[in-house]
Amino acid sequence: MTELRRMPPSTDGRTGFCQPGGIIADICDAIEDDLIESATVVLGLVKAILNGPQLTADEAWFMLRRTTECLTDALNVAELRRERLMADDGPAFRILPGVQHPVVRDRGSAFQSRST
């Protein structure tokens, strides 16, 4: 039995599943690519804005909201792609003895301490 592929979440946060391959999976790939492209564009705009004159409070809040949306979308895409890599090939990395590796965390808080 083929494992189902998790689809990108909808605007209300709900997600669905589809068969890997086929037109629905292709649409999911296109959505993921669009989300990453949107994040890239917003990052470029934010960098330009930060190098410009001081923002009003409303402008700053708008920029922060949009940046948060894009970061959330990009992290969702990264998680979806990680799931597919793990399903296809097993772990995407090996822990080698005597080699210092970056901290690997589960899906816990992004602010989780390194000592946990």
C-alpha atoms as a PDB file:
ATOM      1  CA  MET A   1       0.000   0.000   0.000  1.00  0.00           C
ATOM      2  CA  THR A   2       1.330   3.443  -0.944  1.00  0.00           C
ATOM      3  CA  GLU A   3       1.691   5.982   1.822  1.00  0.00           C
ATOM      4  CA  LEU A   4      -0.413   9.079   1.364  1.00  0.00           C
ATOM      5  CA  ARG A   5       1.182  12.467   0.887  1.00  0.00           C
ATOM      6  CA  ARG A   6       0.145  15.276   3.196  1.00  0.00           C
ATOM      7  CA  MET A   7      -1.015  18.332   1.279  1.00  0.00           C
ATOM      8  CA  PRO A   8      -0.172  21.959   2.145  1.00  0.00           C
ATOM      9  CA  PRO A   9      -2.545  23.368   4.773  1.00  0.00           C
ATOM     10  CA  SER A  10      -5.458  25.515   3.658  1.00  0.00           C
ATOM     11  CA  THR A  11      -5.856  29.093   4.848  1.00  0.00           C
ATOM     12  CA  ASP A  12      -7.818  27.836   7.866  1.00  0.00           C
ATOM     13  CA  GLY A  13      -5.012  25.436   8.824  1.00  0.00           C
ATOM     14  CA  ARG A  14      -6.706  22.209   7.768  1.00  0.00           C
ATOM     15  CA  THR A  15      -4.738  19.719   5.706  1.00  0.00           C
ATOM     16  CA  GLY A  16      -5.615  16.757   3.546  1.00  0.00           C
ATOM     17  CA  PHE A  17      -3.879  13.810   1.975  1.00  0.00           C
ATOM     18  CA  CYS A  18      -3.454  12.609  -1.597  1.00  0.00           C
ATOM     19  CA  GLN A  19      -1.742   9.810  -3.485  1.00  0.00           C
ATOM     20  CA  PRO A  20       1.884  10.567  -4.406  1.00  0.00           C
ATOM     21  CA  GLY A  21       2.268  11.281  -8.118  1.00  0.00           C
ATOM     22  CA  GLY A  22      -0.569  12.376 -10.338  1.00  0.00           C
ATOM     23  CA  ILE A  23      -2.241  15.700 -10.922  1.00  0.00           C
ATOM     24  CA  ILE A  24      -3.168  16.462  -7.291  1.00  0.00           C
ATOM     25  CA  ALA A  25       0.424  15.904  -6.151  1.00  0.00           C
ATOM     26  CA  ASP A  26       1.598  18.136  -9.030  1.00  0.00           C
ATOM     27  CA  ILE A  27      -0.783  20.862  -7.862  1.00  0.00           C
ATOM     28  CA  CYS A  28       0.599  20.483  -4.321  1.00  0.00           C
ATOM     29  CA  ASP A  29       4.142  20.878  -5.697  1.00  0.00           C
ATOM     30  CA  ALA A  30       3.079  24.058  -7.515  1.00  0.00           C
ATOM     31  CA  ILE A  31       1.453  25.428  -4.344  1.00  0.00           C
ATOM     32  CA  GLU A  32       4.615  24.731  -2.349  1.00  0.00           C
ATOM     33  CA  ASP A  33       6.735  26.453  -5.003  1.00  0.00           C
ATOM     34  CA  ASP A  34       4.397  29.473  -4.963  1.00  0.00           C
ATOM     35  CA  LEU A  35       4.605  29.703  -1.161  1.00  0.00           C
ATOM     36  CA  ILE A  36       8.416  29.690  -1.268  1.00  0.00           C
ATOM     37  CA  GLU A  37       8.430  32.283  -4.081  1.00  0.00           C
ATOM     38  CA  SER A  38       6.067  34.506  -2.084  1.00  0.00           C
ATOM     39  CA  ALA A  39       8.339  34.263   0.949  1.00  0.00           C
ATOM     40  CA  THR A  40      11.336  35.194  -1.211  1.00  0.00           C
ATOM     41  CA  VAL A  41       9.544  38.266  -2.581  1.00  0.00           C
ATOM     42  CA  VAL A  42       8.387  39.385   0.876  1.00  0.00           C
ATOM     43  CA  LEU A  43      11.895  38.937   2.285  1.00  0.00           C
ATOM     44  CA  GLY A  44      13.294  41.154  -0.476  1.00  0.00           C
ATOM     45  CA  LEU A  45      10.666  43.811   0.221  1.00  0.00           C
ATOM     46  CA  VAL A  46      11.264  43.684   3.972  1.00  0.00           C
ATOM     47  CA  LYS A  47      15.016  44.083   3.489  1.00  0.00           C
ATOM     48  CA  ALA A  48      14.427  47.115   1.266  1.00  0.00           C
ATOM     49  CA  ILE A  49      11.946  48.631   3.730  1.00  0.00           C
ATOM     50  CA  LEU A  50      14.303  48.145   6.662  1.00  0.00           C
ATOM     51  CA  ASN A  51      17.010  50.056   4.786  1.00  0.00           C
ATOM     52  CA  GLY A  52      14.621  52.946   4.115  1.00  0.00           C
ATOM     53  CA  PRO A  53      13.094  55.631   6.310  1.00  0.00           C
ATOM     54  CA  GLN A  54      11.486  54.753   9.632  1.00  0.00           C
ATOM     55  CA  LEU A  55       8.137  52.982   9.352  1.00  0.00           C
ATOM     56  CA  THR A  56       4.880  54.063  10.908  1.00  0.00           C
ATOM     57  CA  ALA A  57       3.390  51.695  13.479  1.00  0.00           C
ATOM     58  CA  ASP A  58       0.750  50.541  10.977  1.00  0.00           C
ATOM     59  CA  GLU A  59       3.384  49.846   8.313  1.00  0.00           C
ATOM     60  CA  ALA A  60       5.540  47.946  10.766  1.00  0.00           C
ATOM     61  CA  TRP A  61       2.613  45.795  11.949  1.00  0.00           C
ATOM     62  CA  PHE A  62       1.596  45.041   8.351  1.00  0.00           C
ATOM     63  CA  MET A  63       5.161  44.050   7.482  1.00  0.00           C
ATOM     64  CA  LEU A  64       5.431  41.876  10.590  1.00  0.00           C
ATOM     65  CA  ARG A  65       2.103  40.125   9.889  1.00  0.00           C
ATOM     66  CA  ARG A  66       3.004  39.389   6.272  1.00  0.00           C
ATOM     67  CA  THR A  67       6.499  38.204   7.212  1.00  0.00           C
ATOM     68  CA  THR A  68       5.000  35.892   9.846  1.00  0.00           C
ATOM     69  CA  GLU A  69       2.573  34.446   7.286  1.00  0.00           C
ATOM     70  CA  CYS A  70       5.397  33.762   4.842  1.00  0.00           C
ATOM     71  CA  LEU A  71       7.646  32.241   7.486  1.00  0.00           C
ATOM     72  CA  THR A  72       4.809  29.966   8.617  1.00  0.00           C
ATOM     73  CA  ASP A  73       4.184  28.899   5.012  1.00  0.00           C
ATOM     74  CA  ALA A  74       7.892  28.247   4.382  1.00  0.00           C
ATOM     75  CA  LEU A  75       8.180  26.155   7.555  1.00  0.00           C
ATOM     76  CA  ASN A  76       5.099  24.153   6.512  1.00  0.00           C
ATOM     77  CA  VAL A  77       6.681  23.470   3.115  1.00  0.00           C
ATOM     78  CA  ALA A  78       9.933  22.412   4.797  1.00  0.00           C
ATOM     79  CA  GLU A  79       8.021  20.008   7.055  1.00  0.00           C
ATOM     80  CA  LEU A  80       6.076  18.533   4.115  1.00  0.00           C
ATOM     81  CA  ARG A  81       9.270  18.005   2.136  1.00  0.00           C
ATOM     82  CA  ARG A  82      11.025  16.493   5.164  1.00  0.00           C
ATOM     83  CA  GLU A  83       8.148  14.018   5.533  1.00  0.00           C
ATOM     84  CA  ARG A  84       8.509  12.989   1.895  1.00  0.00           C
ATOM     85  CA  LEU A  85      12.275  12.581   2.210  1.00  0.00           C
ATOM     86  CA  MET A  86      11.868  10.458   5.321  1.00  0.00           C
ATOM     87  CA  ALA A  87       9.186   8.313   3.631  1.00  0.00           C
ATOM     88  CA  ASP A  88      11.232   7.848   0.433  1.00  0.00           C
ATOM     89  CA  ASP A  89      14.734   7.310   1.775  1.00  0.00           C
ATOM     90  CA  GLY A  90      14.488   6.909   5.515  1.00  0.00           C
ATOM     91  CA  PRO A  91      16.418   9.473   7.561  1.00  0.00           C
ATOM     92  CA  ALA A  92      17.882  12.253   5.425  1.00  0.00           C
ATOM     93  CA  PHE A  93      21.130  12.114   7.396  1.00  0.00           C
ATOM     94  CA  ARG A  94      23.319   9.743   9.387  1.00  0.00           C
ATOM     95  CA  ILE A  95      24.864  10.453  12.756  1.00  0.00           C
ATOM     96  CA  LEU A  96      28.556   9.662  12.471  1.00  0.00           C
ATOM     97  CA  PRO A  97      30.587   8.927  15.602  1.00  0.00           C
ATOM     98  CA  GLY A  98      33.083  11.637  16.498  1.00  0.00           C
ATOM     99  CA  VAL A  99      31.518  14.230  14.163  1.00  0.00           C
ATOM    100  CA  GLN A 100      29.849  17.310  15.619  1.00  0.00           C
ATOM    101  CA  HIS A 101      26.307  17.613  14.293  1.00  0.00           C
ATOM    102  CA  PRO A 102      23.817  20.489  14.531  1.00  0.00           C
ATOM    103  CA  VAL A 103      21.132  20.210  17.178  1.00  0.00           C
ATOM    104  CA  VAL A 104      18.282  18.104  15.831  1.00  0.00           C
ATOM    105  CA  ARG A 105      14.911  18.772  17.445  1.00  0.00           C
ATOM    106  CA  ASP A 106      11.502  17.325  17.038  1.00  0.00           C
ATOM    107  CA  ARG A 107       8.564  19.567  16.119  1.00  0.00           C
ATOM    108  CA  GLY A 108       8.686  21.258  19.522  1.00  0.00           C
ATOM    109  CA  SER A 109       9.087  24.950  20.092  1.00  0.00           C
ATOM    110  CA  ALA A 110      11.449  26.880  17.852  1.00  0.00           C
ATOM    111  CA  PHE A 111      12.752  28.418  21.062  1.00  0.00           C
ATOM    112  CA  GLN A 112      13.516  25.065  22.665  1.00  0.00           C
ATOM    113  CA  SER A 113      16.793  25.167  24.533  1.00  0.00           C
ATOM    114  CA  ARG A 114      19.785  23.151  23.306  1.00  0.00           C
ATOM    115  CA  SER A 115      20.059  21.451  26.666  1.00  0.00           C
ATOM    116  CA  THR A 116      16.686  19.686  26.275  1.00  0.00           C
END
